[in-house]
Amino acid sequence: MEPAAAASPLCLHDARPPAATVLLILGVPAPTVMTIMGWSSVSMAERYQHVVDSIRTGVARQAGGLLWNDQRAAVPAEAEEDEWLPGLP
């Protein structure tokens, strides 16, 4: 068995996807993300940013607010998704 020191070291480049995803979660506008990350094209954001469940839930809440006049969108963030929009994963 190889010693633990033989594992490949992390480099700064490895932090790009998590950093880009955190900026997405925070709702930072794309031009600002591109400036922070040093990108010149939106395709880099598409490559490195990952849509996480909290973003999907937020979008579902916003859509619910539009569809049901904010009556169901007012559910607290701690509530289970199936309590306010049955059938969503």
PDB file of N, CA and C in Angstrom:
ATOM      1  N   MET A   1       0.850  -1.173   0.000  1.00  0.00           N
ATOM      2  CA  MET A   1       0.000   0.000   0.000  1.00  0.00           C
ATOM      3  C   MET A   1       0.897   1.237   0.000  1.00  0.00           C
ATOM      4  N   GLU A   2       0.512   2.231  -0.788  1.00  0.00           N
ATOM      5  CA  GLU A   2       1.272   3.475  -0.891  1.00  0.00           C
ATOM      6  C   GLU A   2       1.061   4.321   0.358  1.00  0.00           C
ATOM      7  N   PRO A   3       2.076   5.039   0.773  1.00  0.00           N
ATOM      8  CA  PRO A   3       1.874   5.947   1.916  1.00  0.00           C
ATOM      9  C   PRO A   3       0.959   7.103   1.531  1.00  0.00           C
ATOM     10  N   ALA A   4       0.330   7.698   2.520  1.00  0.00           N
ATOM     11  CA  ALA A   4      -0.623   8.784   2.281  1.00  0.00           C
ATOM     12  C   ALA A   4       0.031   9.955   1.564  1.00  0.00           C
ATOM     13  N   ALA A   5       1.319  10.163   1.766  1.00  0.00           N
ATOM     14  CA  ALA A   5       2.015  11.275   1.125  1.00  0.00           C
ATOM     15  C   ALA A   5       2.071  11.116  -0.394  1.00  0.00           C
ATOM     16  N   ALA A   6       1.826   9.925  -0.896  1.00  0.00           N
ATOM     17  CA  ALA A   6       1.884   9.689  -2.334  1.00  0.00           C
ATOM     18  C   ALA A   6       0.632  10.199  -3.051  1.00  0.00           C
ATOM     19  N   ALA A   7      -0.398  10.578  -2.299  1.00  0.00           N
ATOM     20  CA  ALA A   7      -1.619  11.100  -2.915  1.00  0.00           C
ATOM     21  C   ALA A   7      -1.296  12.408  -3.624  1.00  0.00           C
ATOM     22  N   SER A   8      -1.992  12.667  -4.717  1.00  0.00           N
ATOM     23  CA  SER A   8      -1.704  13.882  -5.466  1.00  0.00           C
ATOM     24  C   SER A   8      -2.101  15.111  -4.648  1.00  0.00           C
ATOM     25  N   PRO A   9      -1.234  16.129  -4.620  1.00  0.00           N
ATOM     26  CA  PRO A   9      -1.549  17.332  -3.849  1.00  0.00           C
ATOM     27  C   PRO A   9      -2.617  18.160  -4.558  1.00  0.00           C
ATOM     28  N   LEU A  10      -3.364  18.911  -3.778  1.00  0.00           N
ATOM     29  CA  LEU A  10      -4.359  19.807  -4.358  1.00  0.00           C
ATOM     30  C   LEU A  10      -3.660  21.055  -4.871  1.00  0.00           C
ATOM     31  N   CYS A  11      -4.214  21.627  -5.907  1.00  0.00           N
ATOM     32  CA  CYS A  11      -3.668  22.878  -6.409  1.00  0.00           C
ATOM     33  C   CYS A  11      -4.790  23.922  -6.425  1.00  0.00           C
ATOM     34  N   LEU A  12      -4.428  25.158  -6.637  1.00  0.00           N
ATOM     35  CA  LEU A  12      -5.391  26.243  -6.623  1.00  0.00           C
ATOM     36  C   LEU A  12      -6.497  26.033  -7.656  1.00  0.00           C
ATOM     37  N   HIS A  13      -6.138  25.425  -8.783  1.00  0.00           N
ATOM     38  CA  HIS A  13      -7.125  25.174  -9.838  1.00  0.00           C
ATOM     39  C   HIS A  13      -8.267  24.285  -9.335  1.00  0.00           C
ATOM     40  N   ASP A  14      -7.983  23.390  -8.387  1.00  0.00           N
ATOM     41  CA  ASP A  14      -9.006  22.494  -7.842  1.00  0.00           C
ATOM     42  C   ASP A  14     -10.094  23.250  -7.089  1.00  0.00           C
ATOM     43  N   ALA A  15      -9.817  24.472  -6.655  1.00  0.00           N
ATOM     44  CA  ALA A  15     -10.786  25.256  -5.898  1.00  0.00           C
ATOM     45  C   ALA A  15     -11.758  26.014  -6.801  1.00  0.00           C
ATOM     46  N   ARG A  16     -11.547  26.001  -8.102  1.00  0.00           N
ATOM     47  CA  ARG A  16     -12.396  26.795  -8.996  1.00  0.00           C
ATOM     48  C   ARG A  16     -13.863  26.350  -8.994  1.00  0.00           C
ATOM     49  N   PRO A  17     -14.167  25.057  -9.161  1.00  0.00           N
ATOM     50  CA  PRO A  17     -15.592  24.672  -9.147  1.00  0.00           C
ATOM     51  C   PRO A  17     -16.304  25.026  -7.846  1.00  0.00           C
ATOM     52  N   PRO A  18     -15.726  24.718  -6.665  1.00  0.00           N
ATOM     53  CA  PRO A  18     -16.448  25.099  -5.440  1.00  0.00           C
ATOM     54  C   PRO A  18     -16.585  26.615  -5.294  1.00  0.00           C
ATOM     55  N   ALA A  19     -15.558  27.367  -5.648  1.00  0.00           N
ATOM     56  CA  ALA A  19     -15.630  28.825  -5.538  1.00  0.00           C
ATOM     57  C   ALA A  19     -16.703  29.379  -6.468  1.00  0.00           C
ATOM     58  N   ALA A  20     -16.738  28.895  -7.695  1.00  0.00           N
ATOM     59  CA  ALA A  20     -17.736  29.363  -8.664  1.00  0.00           C
ATOM     60  C   ALA A  20     -19.140  28.997  -8.217  1.00  0.00           C
ATOM     61  N   THR A  21     -19.301  27.818  -7.639  1.00  0.00           N
ATOM     62  CA  THR A  21     -20.611  27.377  -7.170  1.00  0.00           C
ATOM     63  C   THR A  21     -21.077  28.213  -5.987  1.00  0.00           C
ATOM     64  N   VAL A  22     -20.178  28.567  -5.073  1.00  0.00           N
ATOM     65  CA  VAL A  22     -20.535  29.418  -3.938  1.00  0.00           C
ATOM     66  C   VAL A  22     -21.014  30.775  -4.441  1.00  0.00           C
ATOM     67  N   LEU A  23     -20.339  31.341  -5.433  1.00  0.00           N
ATOM     68  CA  LEU A  23     -20.768  32.618  -5.992  1.00  0.00           C
ATOM     69  C   LEU A  23     -22.151  32.499  -6.623  1.00  0.00           C
ATOM     70  N   LEU A  24     -22.424  31.362  -7.273  1.00  0.00           N
ATOM     71  CA  LEU A  24     -23.745  31.112  -7.850  1.00  0.00           C
ATOM     72  C   LEU A  24     -24.807  31.051  -6.751  1.00  0.00           C
ATOM     73  N   ILE A  25     -24.516  30.333  -5.673  1.00  0.00           N
ATOM     74  CA  ILE A  25     -25.448  30.204  -4.552  1.00  0.00           C
ATOM     75  C   ILE A  25     -25.736  31.575  -3.934  1.00  0.00           C
ATOM     76  N   LEU A  26     -24.715  32.419  -3.868  1.00  0.00           N
ATOM     77  CA  LEU A  26     -24.881  33.757  -3.290  1.00  0.00           C
ATOM     78  C   LEU A  26     -25.632  34.704  -4.214  1.00  0.00           C
ATOM     79  N   GLY A  27     -25.881  34.279  -5.447  1.00  0.00           N
ATOM     80  CA  GLY A  27     -26.622  35.113  -6.383  1.00  0.00           C
ATOM     81  C   GLY A  27     -25.789  36.229  -6.998  1.00  0.00           C
ATOM     82  N   VAL A  28     -24.472  36.042  -7.025  1.00  0.00           N
ATOM     83  CA  VAL A  28     -23.594  37.049  -7.612  1.00  0.00           C
ATOM     84  C   VAL A  28     -23.851  37.107  -9.116  1.00  0.00           C
ATOM     85  N   PRO A  29     -24.049  38.293  -9.676  1.00  0.00           N
ATOM     86  CA  PRO A  29     -24.314  38.417 -11.118  1.00  0.00           C
ATOM     87  C   PRO A  29     -23.161  37.855 -11.955  1.00  0.00           C
ATOM     88  N   ALA A  30     -23.499  37.283 -13.110  1.00  0.00           N
ATOM     89  CA  ALA A  30     -22.510  36.630 -13.977  1.00  0.00           C
ATOM     90  C   ALA A  30     -21.313  37.526 -14.315  1.00  0.00           C
ATOM     91  N   PRO A  31     -21.521  38.801 -14.675  1.00  0.00           N
ATOM     92  CA  PRO A  31     -20.350  39.629 -14.985  1.00  0.00           C
ATOM     93  C   PRO A  31     -19.389  39.771 -13.800  1.00  0.00           C
ATOM     94  N   THR A  32     -19.951  39.827 -12.587  1.00  0.00           N
ATOM     95  CA  THR A  32     -19.113  39.934 -11.393  1.00  0.00           C
ATOM     96  C   THR A  32     -18.367  38.630 -11.152  1.00  0.00           C
ATOM     97  N   VAL A  33     -19.045  37.500 -11.316  1.00  0.00           N
ATOM     98  CA  VAL A  33     -18.387  36.199 -11.168  1.00  0.00           C
ATOM     99  C   VAL A  33     -17.240  36.093 -12.158  1.00  0.00           C
ATOM    100  N   MET A  34     -17.490  36.499 -13.396  1.00  0.00           N
ATOM    101  CA  MET A  34     -16.459  36.413 -14.422  1.00  0.00           C
ATOM    102  C   MET A  34     -15.248  37.262 -14.047  1.00  0.00           C
ATOM    103  N   THR A  35     -15.475  38.437 -13.472  1.00  0.00           N
ATOM    104  CA  THR A  35     -14.373  39.299 -13.060  1.00  0.00           C
ATOM    105  C   THR A  35     -13.593  38.679 -11.900  1.00  0.00           C
ATOM    106  N   ILE A  36     -14.314  38.188 -10.902  1.00  0.00           N
ATOM    107  CA  ILE A  36     -13.676  37.577  -9.735  1.00  0.00           C
ATOM    108  C   ILE A  36     -12.847  36.362 -10.142  1.00  0.00           C
ATOM    109  N   MET A  37     -13.422  35.534 -11.005  1.00  0.00           N
ATOM    110  CA  MET A  37     -12.760  34.292 -11.391  1.00  0.00           C
ATOM    111  C   MET A  37     -11.724  34.486 -12.509  1.00  0.00           C
ATOM    112  N   GLY A  38     -11.726  35.660 -13.132  1.00  0.00           N
ATOM    113  CA  GLY A  38     -10.766  35.917 -14.204  1.00  0.00           C
ATOM    114  C   GLY A  38     -11.162  35.308 -15.533  1.00  0.00           C
ATOM    115  N   TRP A  39     -12.462  35.161 -15.754  1.00  0.00           N
ATOM    116  CA  TRP A  39     -12.954  34.550 -16.987  1.00  0.00           C
ATOM    117  C   TRP A  39     -13.334  35.629 -17.992  1.00  0.00           C
ATOM    118  N   SER A  40     -13.151  35.309 -19.279  1.00  0.00           N
ATOM    119  CA  SER A  40     -13.540  36.261 -20.320  1.00  0.00           C
ATOM    120  C   SER A  40     -14.777  35.788 -21.083  1.00  0.00           C
ATOM    121  N   SER A  41     -15.258  34.576 -20.777  1.00  0.00           N
ATOM    122  CA  SER A  41     -16.454  34.089 -21.470  1.00  0.00           C
ATOM    123  C   SER A  41     -17.398  33.396 -20.500  1.00  0.00           C
ATOM    124  N   VAL A  42     -18.679  33.470 -20.814  1.00  0.00           N
ATOM    125  CA  VAL A  42     -19.712  32.845 -19.981  1.00  0.00           C
ATOM    126  C   VAL A  42     -19.570  31.325 -19.991  1.00  0.00           C
ATOM    127  N   SER A  43     -18.980  30.771 -21.037  1.00  0.00           N
ATOM    128  CA  SER A  43     -18.834  29.318 -21.115  1.00  0.00           C
ATOM    129  C   SER A  43     -18.000  28.771 -19.952  1.00  0.00           C
ATOM    130  N   MET A  44     -17.124  29.586 -19.394  1.00  0.00           N
ATOM    131  CA  MET A  44     -16.336  29.135 -18.244  1.00  0.00           C
ATOM    132  C   MET A  44     -17.240  28.973 -17.017  1.00  0.00           C
ATOM    133  N   ALA A  45     -18.193  29.880 -16.847  1.00  0.00           N
ATOM    134  CA  ALA A  45     -19.137  29.745 -15.742  1.00  0.00           C
ATOM    135  C   ALA A  45     -19.953  28.474 -15.917  1.00  0.00           C
ATOM    136  N   GLU A  46     -20.381  28.204 -17.132  1.00  0.00           N
ATOM    137  CA  GLU A  46     -21.151  26.990 -17.400  1.00  0.00           C
ATOM    138  C   GLU A  46     -20.326  25.744 -17.088  1.00  0.00           C
ATOM    139  N   ARG A  47     -19.039  25.840 -17.280  1.00  0.00           N
ATOM    140  CA  ARG A  47     -18.169  24.691 -17.028  1.00  0.00           C
ATOM    141  C   ARG A  47     -17.931  24.463 -15.543  1.00  0.00           C
ATOM    142  N   TYR A  48     -17.746  25.542 -14.783  1.00  0.00           N
ATOM    143  CA  TYR A  48     -17.331  25.410 -13.394  1.00  0.00           C
ATOM    144  C   TYR A  48     -18.438  25.533 -12.359  1.00  0.00           C
ATOM    145  N   GLN A  49     -19.537  26.214 -12.673  1.00  0.00           N
ATOM    146  CA  GLN A  49     -20.605  26.363 -11.696  1.00  0.00           C
ATOM    147  C   GLN A  49     -21.532  25.158 -11.751  1.00  0.00           C
ATOM    148  N   HIS A  50     -21.917  24.665 -10.584  1.00  0.00           N
ATOM    149  CA  HIS A  50     -22.798  23.504 -10.493  1.00  0.00           C
ATOM    150  C   HIS A  50     -24.076  23.900  -9.761  1.00  0.00           C
ATOM    151  N   VAL A  51     -25.219  23.615 -10.363  1.00  0.00           N
ATOM    152  CA  VAL A  51     -26.506  23.935  -9.747  1.00  0.00           C
ATOM    153  C   VAL A  51     -26.764  22.917  -8.639  1.00  0.00           C
ATOM    154  N   VAL A  52     -26.896  23.424  -7.432  1.00  0.00           N
ATOM    155  CA  VAL A  52     -27.099  22.557  -6.272  1.00  0.00           C
ATOM    156  C   VAL A  52     -28.569  22.566  -5.869  1.00  0.00           C
ATOM    157  N   ASP A  53     -28.945  21.648  -4.984  1.00  0.00           N
ATOM    158  CA  ASP A  53     -30.349  21.504  -4.578  1.00  0.00           C
ATOM    159  C   ASP A  53     -30.946  22.786  -4.015  1.00  0.00           C
ATOM    160  N   SER A  54     -30.162  23.555  -3.268  1.00  0.00           N
ATOM    161  CA  SER A  54     -30.718  24.786  -2.683  1.00  0.00           C
ATOM    162  C   SER A  54     -31.117  25.779  -3.774  1.00  0.00           C
ATOM    163  N   ILE A  55     -30.400  25.787  -4.874  1.00  0.00           N
ATOM    164  CA  ILE A  55     -30.762  26.668  -5.992  1.00  0.00           C
ATOM    165  C   ILE A  55     -32.035  26.164  -6.656  1.00  0.00           C
ATOM    166  N   ARG A  56     -32.116  24.862  -6.879  1.00  0.00           N
ATOM    167  CA  ARG A  56     -33.329  24.284  -7.479  1.00  0.00           C
ATOM    168  C   ARG A  56     -34.550  24.575  -6.606  1.00  0.00           C
ATOM    169  N   THR A  57     -34.391  24.435  -5.300  1.00  0.00           N
ATOM    170  CA  THR A  57     -35.498  24.696  -4.382  1.00  0.00           C
ATOM    171  C   THR A  57     -35.910  26.160  -4.436  1.00  0.00           C
ATOM    172  N   GLY A  58     -34.934  27.054  -4.480  1.00  0.00           N
ATOM    173  CA  GLY A  58     -35.235  28.483  -4.565  1.00  0.00           C
ATOM    174  C   GLY A  58     -35.991  28.836  -5.836  1.00  0.00           C
ATOM    175  N   VAL A  59     -35.577  28.251  -6.946  1.00  0.00           N
ATOM    176  CA  VAL A  59     -36.267  28.502  -8.220  1.00  0.00           C
ATOM    177  C   VAL A  59     -37.687  27.951  -8.154  1.00  0.00           C
ATOM    178  N   ALA A  60     -37.849  26.771  -7.564  1.00  0.00           N
ATOM    179  CA  ALA A  60     -39.189  26.188  -7.436  1.00  0.00           C
ATOM    180  C   ALA A  60     -40.083  27.082  -6.570  1.00  0.00           C
ATOM    181  N   ARG A  61     -39.516  27.654  -5.511  1.00  0.00           N
ATOM    182  CA  ARG A  61     -40.283  28.558  -4.652  1.00  0.00           C
ATOM    183  C   ARG A  61     -40.703  29.812  -5.419  1.00  0.00           C
ATOM    184  N   GLN A  62     -39.786  30.364  -6.207  1.00  0.00           N
ATOM    185  CA  GLN A  62     -40.118  31.553  -6.984  1.00  0.00           C
ATOM    186  C   GLN A  62     -41.209  31.244  -8.007  1.00  0.00           C
ATOM    187  N   ALA A  63     -41.084  30.112  -8.687  1.00  0.00           N
ATOM    188  CA  ALA A  63     -42.103  29.720  -9.662  1.00  0.00           C
ATOM    189  C   ALA A  63     -43.438  29.493  -8.956  1.00  0.00           C
ATOM    190  N   GLY A  64     -43.387  28.872  -7.780  1.00  0.00           N
ATOM    191  CA  GLY A  64     -44.609  28.656  -7.009  1.00  0.00           C
ATOM    192  C   GLY A  64     -45.270  29.963  -6.641  1.00  0.00           C
ATOM    193  N   GLY A  65     -44.460  30.959  -6.286  1.00  0.00           N
ATOM    194  CA  GLY A  65     -45.002  32.267  -5.949  1.00  0.00           C
ATOM    195  C   GLY A  65     -45.715  32.905  -7.129  1.00  0.00           C
ATOM    196  N   LEU A  66     -45.170  32.720  -8.315  1.00  0.00           N
ATOM    197  CA  LEU A  66     -45.819  33.262  -9.510  1.00  0.00           C
ATOM    198  C   LEU A  66     -47.105  32.512  -9.843  1.00  0.00           C
ATOM    199  N   LEU A  67     -47.068  31.203  -9.686  1.00  0.00           N
ATOM    200  CA  LEU A  67     -48.224  30.380 -10.060  1.00  0.00           C
ATOM    201  C   LEU A  67     -49.362  30.469  -9.056  1.00  0.00           C
ATOM    202  N   TRP A  68     -49.017  30.595  -7.764  1.00  0.00           N
ATOM    203  CA  TRP A  68     -50.044  30.561  -6.731  1.00  0.00           C
ATOM    204  C   TRP A  68     -50.117  31.862  -5.940  1.00  0.00           C
ATOM    205  N   ASN A  69     -49.770  32.976  -6.556  1.00  0.00           N
ATOM    206  CA  ASN A  69     -49.877  34.295  -5.926  1.00  0.00           C
ATOM    207  C   ASN A  69     -49.231  34.351  -4.542  1.00  0.00           C
ATOM    208  N   ASP A  70     -48.045  33.769  -4.423  1.00  0.00           N
ATOM    209  CA  ASP A  70     -47.244  33.788  -3.196  1.00  0.00           C
ATOM    210  C   ASP A  70     -47.856  33.034  -2.019  1.00  0.00           C
ATOM    211  N   GLN A  71     -48.991  32.394  -2.173  1.00  0.00           N
ATOM    212  CA  GLN A  71     -49.594  31.683  -1.048  1.00  0.00           C
ATOM    213  C   GLN A  71     -48.762  30.475  -0.646  1.00  0.00           C
ATOM    214  N   ARG A  72     -48.257  29.735  -1.613  1.00  0.00           N
ATOM    215  CA  ARG A  72     -47.440  28.568  -1.283  1.00  0.00           C
ATOM    216  C   ARG A  72     -45.966  28.925  -1.197  1.00  0.00           C
ATOM    217  N   ALA A  73     -45.536  30.010  -1.787  1.00  0.00           N
ATOM    218  CA  ALA A  73     -44.127  30.409  -1.755  1.00  0.00           C
ATOM    219  C   ALA A  73     -43.732  30.945  -0.392  1.00  0.00           C
ATOM    220  N   ALA A  74     -44.699  31.227   0.461  1.00  0.00           N
ATOM    221  CA  ALA A  74     -44.417  31.781   1.774  1.00  0.00           C
ATOM    222  C   ALA A  74     -44.024  30.708   2.790  1.00  0.00           C
ATOM    223  N   VAL A  75     -43.858  29.464   2.347  1.00  0.00           N
ATOM    224  CA  VAL A  75     -43.472  28.381   3.245  1.00  0.00           C
ATOM    225  C   VAL A  75     -42.060  28.644   3.752  1.00  0.00           C
ATOM    226  N   PRO A  76     -41.786  28.481   5.044  1.00  0.00           N
ATOM    227  CA  PRO A  76     -40.444  28.712   5.579  1.00  0.00           C
ATOM    228  C   PRO A  76     -39.406  27.830   4.889  1.00  0.00           C
ATOM    229  N   ALA A  77     -38.176  28.314   4.835  1.00  0.00           N
ATOM    230  CA  ALA A  77     -37.095  27.585   4.170  1.00  0.00           C
ATOM    231  C   ALA A  77     -36.843  26.228   4.809  1.00  0.00           C
ATOM    232  N   GLU A  78     -37.174  26.080   6.104  1.00  0.00           N
ATOM    233  CA  GLU A  78     -36.929  24.815   6.795  1.00  0.00           C
ATOM    234  C   GLU A  78     -37.925  23.725   6.394  1.00  0.00           C
ATOM    235  N   ALA A  79     -39.011  24.099   5.758  1.00  0.00           N
ATOM    236  CA  ALA A  79     -40.054  23.125   5.409  1.00  0.00           C
ATOM    237  C   ALA A  79     -39.555  22.153   4.354  1.00  0.00           C
ATOM    238  N   GLU A  80     -40.080  20.969   4.412  1.00  0.00           N
ATOM    239  CA  GLU A  80     -39.748  19.957   3.410  1.00  0.00           C
ATOM    240  C   GLU A  80     -40.360  20.339   2.074  1.00  0.00           C
ATOM    241  N   GLU A  81     -39.634  20.056   0.983  1.00  0.00           N
ATOM    242  CA  GLU A  81     -40.146  20.391  -0.335  1.00  0.00           C
ATOM    243  C   GLU A  81     -41.497  19.739  -0.620  1.00  0.00           C
ATOM    244  N   ASP A  82     -41.670  18.481  -0.185  1.00  0.00           N
ATOM    245  CA  ASP A  82     -42.908  17.778  -0.508  1.00  0.00           C
ATOM    246  C   ASP A  82     -44.114  18.337   0.251  1.00  0.00           C
ATOM    247  N   GLU A  83     -43.891  19.216   1.212  1.00  0.00           N
ATOM    248  CA  GLU A  83     -44.993  19.830   1.924  1.00  0.00           C
ATOM    249  C   GLU A  83     -45.661  20.928   1.101  1.00  0.00           C
ATOM    250  N   TRP A  84     -44.922  21.526   0.175  1.00  0.00           N
ATOM    251  CA  TRP A  84     -45.482  22.650  -0.569  1.00  0.00           C
ATOM    252  C   TRP A  84     -45.562  22.410  -2.060  1.00  0.00           C
ATOM    253  N   LEU A  85     -44.789  21.490  -2.599  1.00  0.00           N
ATOM    254  CA  LEU A  85     -44.871  21.147  -4.020  1.00  0.00           C
ATOM    255  C   LEU A  85     -44.728  19.646  -4.178  1.00  0.00           C
ATOM    256  N   PRO A  86     -45.786  18.909  -3.989  1.00  0.00           N
ATOM    257  CA  PRO A  86     -45.689  17.445  -4.087  1.00  0.00           C
ATOM    258  C   PRO A  86     -45.201  17.027  -5.462  1.00  0.00           C
ATOM    259  N   GLY A  87     -44.396  15.975  -5.477  1.00  0.00           N
ATOM    260  CA  GLY A  87     -43.937  15.413  -6.739  1.00  0.00           C
ATOM    261  C   GLY A  87     -42.577  15.897  -7.177  1.00  0.00           C
ATOM    262  N   LEU A  88     -42.054  16.964  -6.542  1.00  0.00           N
ATOM    263  CA  LEU A  88     -40.706  17.415  -6.889  1.00  0.00           C
ATOM    264  C   LEU A  88     -39.699  16.599  -6.124  1.00  0.00           C
ATOM    265  N   PRO A  89     -38.606  16.232  -6.770  1.00  0.00           N
ATOM    266  CA  PRO A  89     -37.567  15.458  -6.045  1.00  0.00           C
ATOM    267  C   PRO A  89     -36.880  16.286  -4.994  1.00  0.00           C
TER     268      PRO A  89
END
